[in-house]
């Protein structure tokens, strides 16, 4: 689906779903890329950080597939917990 992008509520839901599948007690923080910066290059998206110490960080481009978002966050979180 060209041109379809995730929204803030969708990324929040997907990130929470991923974290809940691995470690439901960890907090999730989502920081959107500034869309108003005329000097910013690259695609719009979010940085998802997990944990109070924010050790796990995942850049999620707006064009990412929902399944990829959940899997990528979960995989990185599992790797961090080993």
Protein backbone atom coordinates (compact mmCIF):
# COMPACT_ATOMS: atom_id res chain seq x y z
CA UNK A 1 0.00 0.00 0.00
CA UNK A 2 2.05 2.91 -1.21
CA UNK A 3 1.45 6.15 0.59
CA UNK A 4 -0.06 4.58 3.71
CA UNK A 5 1.63 5.61 6.93
CA UNK A 6 1.16 4.81 10.59
CA UNK A 7 -0.42 7.37 12.91
CA UNK A 8 0.55 8.36 16.46
CA UNK A 9 -2.20 6.23 18.08
CA UNK A 10 -1.29 3.23 15.92
CA UNK A 11 2.41 3.39 16.77
CA UNK A 12 1.57 3.73 20.46
CA UNK A 13 -0.68 0.67 20.32
CA UNK A 14 1.86 -1.39 18.36
CA UNK A 15 4.72 -0.46 20.68
CA UNK A 16 2.69 -1.33 23.77
CA UNK A 17 1.63 -4.64 22.19
CA UNK A 18 5.27 -5.53 21.50
CA UNK A 19 6.44 -4.67 25.01
CA UNK A 20 3.50 -6.46 26.64
CA UNK A 21 4.48 -9.64 24.80
CA UNK A 22 7.94 -9.60 26.41
CA UNK A 23 7.93 -7.53 29.61
CA UNK A 24 4.56 -5.90 30.38
CA UNK A 25 5.89 -3.99 33.39
CA UNK A 26 8.29 -1.83 31.34
CA UNK A 27 7.33 1.71 30.37
CA UNK A 28 7.23 2.78 26.72
CA UNK A 29 8.08 6.27 25.48
CA UNK A 30 7.42 7.42 21.93
CA UNK A 31 8.99 10.54 20.45
CA UNK A 32 7.77 11.62 17.02
CA UNK A 33 10.13 13.19 14.52
CA UNK A 34 9.51 16.89 14.10
CA UNK A 35 7.56 17.39 10.90
CA UNK A 36 8.06 21.14 11.01
CA UNK A 37 11.84 21.18 10.64
CA UNK A 38 12.66 22.31 7.07
CA UNK A 39 16.27 21.11 7.44
CA UNK A 40 15.38 17.56 8.49
CA UNK A 41 16.21 14.96 5.88
CA UNK A 42 14.81 11.46 5.86
CA UNK A 43 11.42 9.99 6.47
CA UNK A 44 9.02 10.85 9.24
CA UNK A 45 8.75 8.41 12.08
CA UNK A 46 9.16 7.81 15.79
CA UNK A 47 11.82 6.74 18.23
CA UNK A 48 10.38 4.14 20.57
CA UNK A 49 12.29 3.72 23.83
CA UNK A 50 11.56 0.98 26.34
CA UNK A 51 12.41 0.77 30.02
CA UNK A 52 13.03 3.31 32.74
CA UNK A 53 16.68 3.46 31.71
CA UNK A 54 15.69 3.68 28.02
CA UNK A 55 18.22 1.04 27.00
CA UNK A 56 16.16 -0.25 24.10
CA UNK A 57 15.57 2.23 21.28
CA UNK A 58 13.99 1.52 17.93
CA UNK A 59 13.53 3.97 15.05
CA UNK A 60 10.18 3.28 13.38
CA UNK A 61 9.63 4.91 10.00
CA UNK A 62 6.07 6.02 9.28
CA UNK A 63 5.90 3.65 6.30
CA UNK A 64 6.71 0.55 8.39
CA UNK A 65 4.35 -2.41 8.32
CA UNK A 66 2.55 -2.95 11.63
CA UNK A 67 3.85 -6.52 11.92
CA UNK A 68 7.42 -5.33 11.49
CA UNK A 69 6.99 -2.73 14.23
CA UNK A 70 5.78 -5.28 16.77
CA UNK A 71 8.43 -7.84 15.85
CA UNK A 72 11.34 -5.38 15.75
CA UNK A 73 10.58 -3.94 19.17
CA UNK A 74 9.99 -7.39 20.70
CA UNK A 75 13.19 -8.84 19.21
CA UNK A 76 15.35 -5.97 20.48
CA UNK A 77 13.72 -6.11 23.89
CA UNK A 78 14.30 -9.88 24.17
CA UNK A 79 17.94 -9.45 23.13
CA UNK A 80 18.43 -6.76 25.77
CA UNK A 81 17.00 -8.97 28.50
CA UNK A 82 19.38 -11.89 27.84
